[in-house]
């Protein structure tokens, strides 16, 4: 019985292109979130938190923006605004 033999070079080239294509889209991004408190005197100063995101740029932007929020409770307003860098 004869087996069909694939040329090695084109198969390896295709595998290398696939590997580069898949890994080149996923990068390390930083999601920086500024947290601001307002409403009454004596609240903590504004702070900044940073989170690492390993993903595609569009997915990283989406995940980072989802961390942003605004909440008011007992006269104290907390605003967390996140941006991708």
Protein backbone atom coordinates (compact mmCIF):
# COMPACT_ATOMS: atom_id res chain seq x y z
CA UNK A 1 0.00 0.00 0.00
CA UNK A 2 1.37 3.41 -0.95
CA UNK A 3 1.01 6.37 1.37
CA UNK A 4 0.71 9.89 0.16
CA UNK A 5 3.71 11.86 1.31
CA UNK A 6 3.48 15.58 1.94
CA UNK A 7 6.44 17.80 1.09
CA UNK A 8 8.07 18.71 4.40
CA UNK A 9 9.13 22.32 3.67
CA UNK A 10 5.67 23.70 2.76
CA UNK A 11 4.06 21.98 5.75
CA UNK A 12 6.67 23.43 8.12
CA UNK A 13 6.30 26.87 6.54
CA UNK A 14 2.53 26.75 6.97
CA UNK A 15 2.92 25.68 10.60
CA UNK A 16 5.35 28.54 11.26
CA UNK A 17 3.01 31.11 9.67
CA UNK A 18 0.09 29.82 11.74
CA UNK A 19 2.13 29.99 14.95
CA UNK A 20 3.27 33.56 14.28
CA UNK A 21 -0.22 34.69 13.30
CA UNK A 22 -1.84 33.28 16.42
CA UNK A 23 0.76 34.52 18.90
CA UNK A 24 1.36 37.94 17.37
CA UNK A 25 -2.20 39.08 18.09
CA UNK A 26 -2.01 38.35 21.81
CA UNK A 27 0.08 40.92 23.65
CA UNK A 28 0.57 42.29 27.13
CA UNK A 29 -1.43 45.43 27.89
CA UNK A 30 -1.84 47.53 31.01
CA UNK A 31 -5.26 48.60 32.20
CA UNK A 32 -4.86 51.67 34.39
CA UNK A 33 -7.79 52.61 36.60
CA UNK A 34 -8.06 55.99 38.34
CA UNK A 35 -10.27 55.87 41.43
CA UNK A 36 -11.74 59.15 42.65
CA UNK A 37 -13.83 59.74 45.77
CA UNK A 38 -16.12 62.74 46.22
CA UNK A 39 -19.09 63.89 48.24
CA UNK A 40 -17.85 64.65 51.74
CA UNK A 41 -14.64 66.03 53.28
CA UNK A 42 -12.01 63.63 54.60
CA UNK A 43 -12.29 61.00 51.90
CA UNK A 44 -9.14 59.24 50.68
CA UNK A 45 -7.07 60.81 47.93
CA UNK A 46 -7.50 59.59 44.39
CA UNK A 47 -5.60 56.38 43.68
CA UNK A 48 -4.54 54.47 40.61
CA UNK A 49 -4.52 50.71 40.12
CA UNK A 50 -2.91 48.86 37.24
CA UNK A 51 -3.81 45.44 35.89
CA UNK A 52 -2.01 43.36 33.28
CA UNK A 53 -4.12 41.93 30.48
CA UNK A 54 -2.78 39.34 28.03
CA UNK A 55 -5.13 39.36 25.06
CA UNK A 56 -5.84 40.88 21.68
CA UNK A 57 -6.06 44.67 21.67
CA UNK A 58 -9.79 44.80 21.02
CA UNK A 59 -10.56 42.24 23.73
CA UNK A 60 -8.17 43.95 26.17
CA UNK A 61 -9.88 47.30 25.57
CA UNK A 62 -13.26 45.70 26.20
CA UNK A 63 -12.11 44.01 29.41
CA UNK A 64 -10.46 47.19 30.65
CA UNK A 65 -13.48 49.41 29.98
CA UNK A 66 -15.71 46.91 31.79
CA UNK A 67 -13.74 47.69 34.98
CA UNK A 68 -14.91 51.33 34.89
CA UNK A 69 -17.88 52.20 37.09
CA UNK A 70 -19.59 54.92 39.06
CA UNK A 71 -21.37 54.32 42.36
CA UNK A 72 -22.99 56.60 44.93
CA UNK A 73 -23.79 55.39 48.42
CA UNK A 74 -24.56 57.42 51.55
CA UNK A 75 -23.59 60.65 49.78
CA UNK A 76 -20.17 59.34 48.74
CA UNK A 77 -19.49 58.99 45.04
CA UNK A 78 -16.81 56.57 43.81
CA UNK A 79 -15.74 56.84 40.17
CA UNK A 80 -13.32 54.35 38.65
CA UNK A 81 -12.20 55.26 35.13
CA UNK A 82 -10.07 52.69 33.30
CA UNK A 83 -7.93 53.14 30.18
CA UNK A 84 -5.79 50.69 28.25
CA UNK A 85 -2.08 51.41 27.72
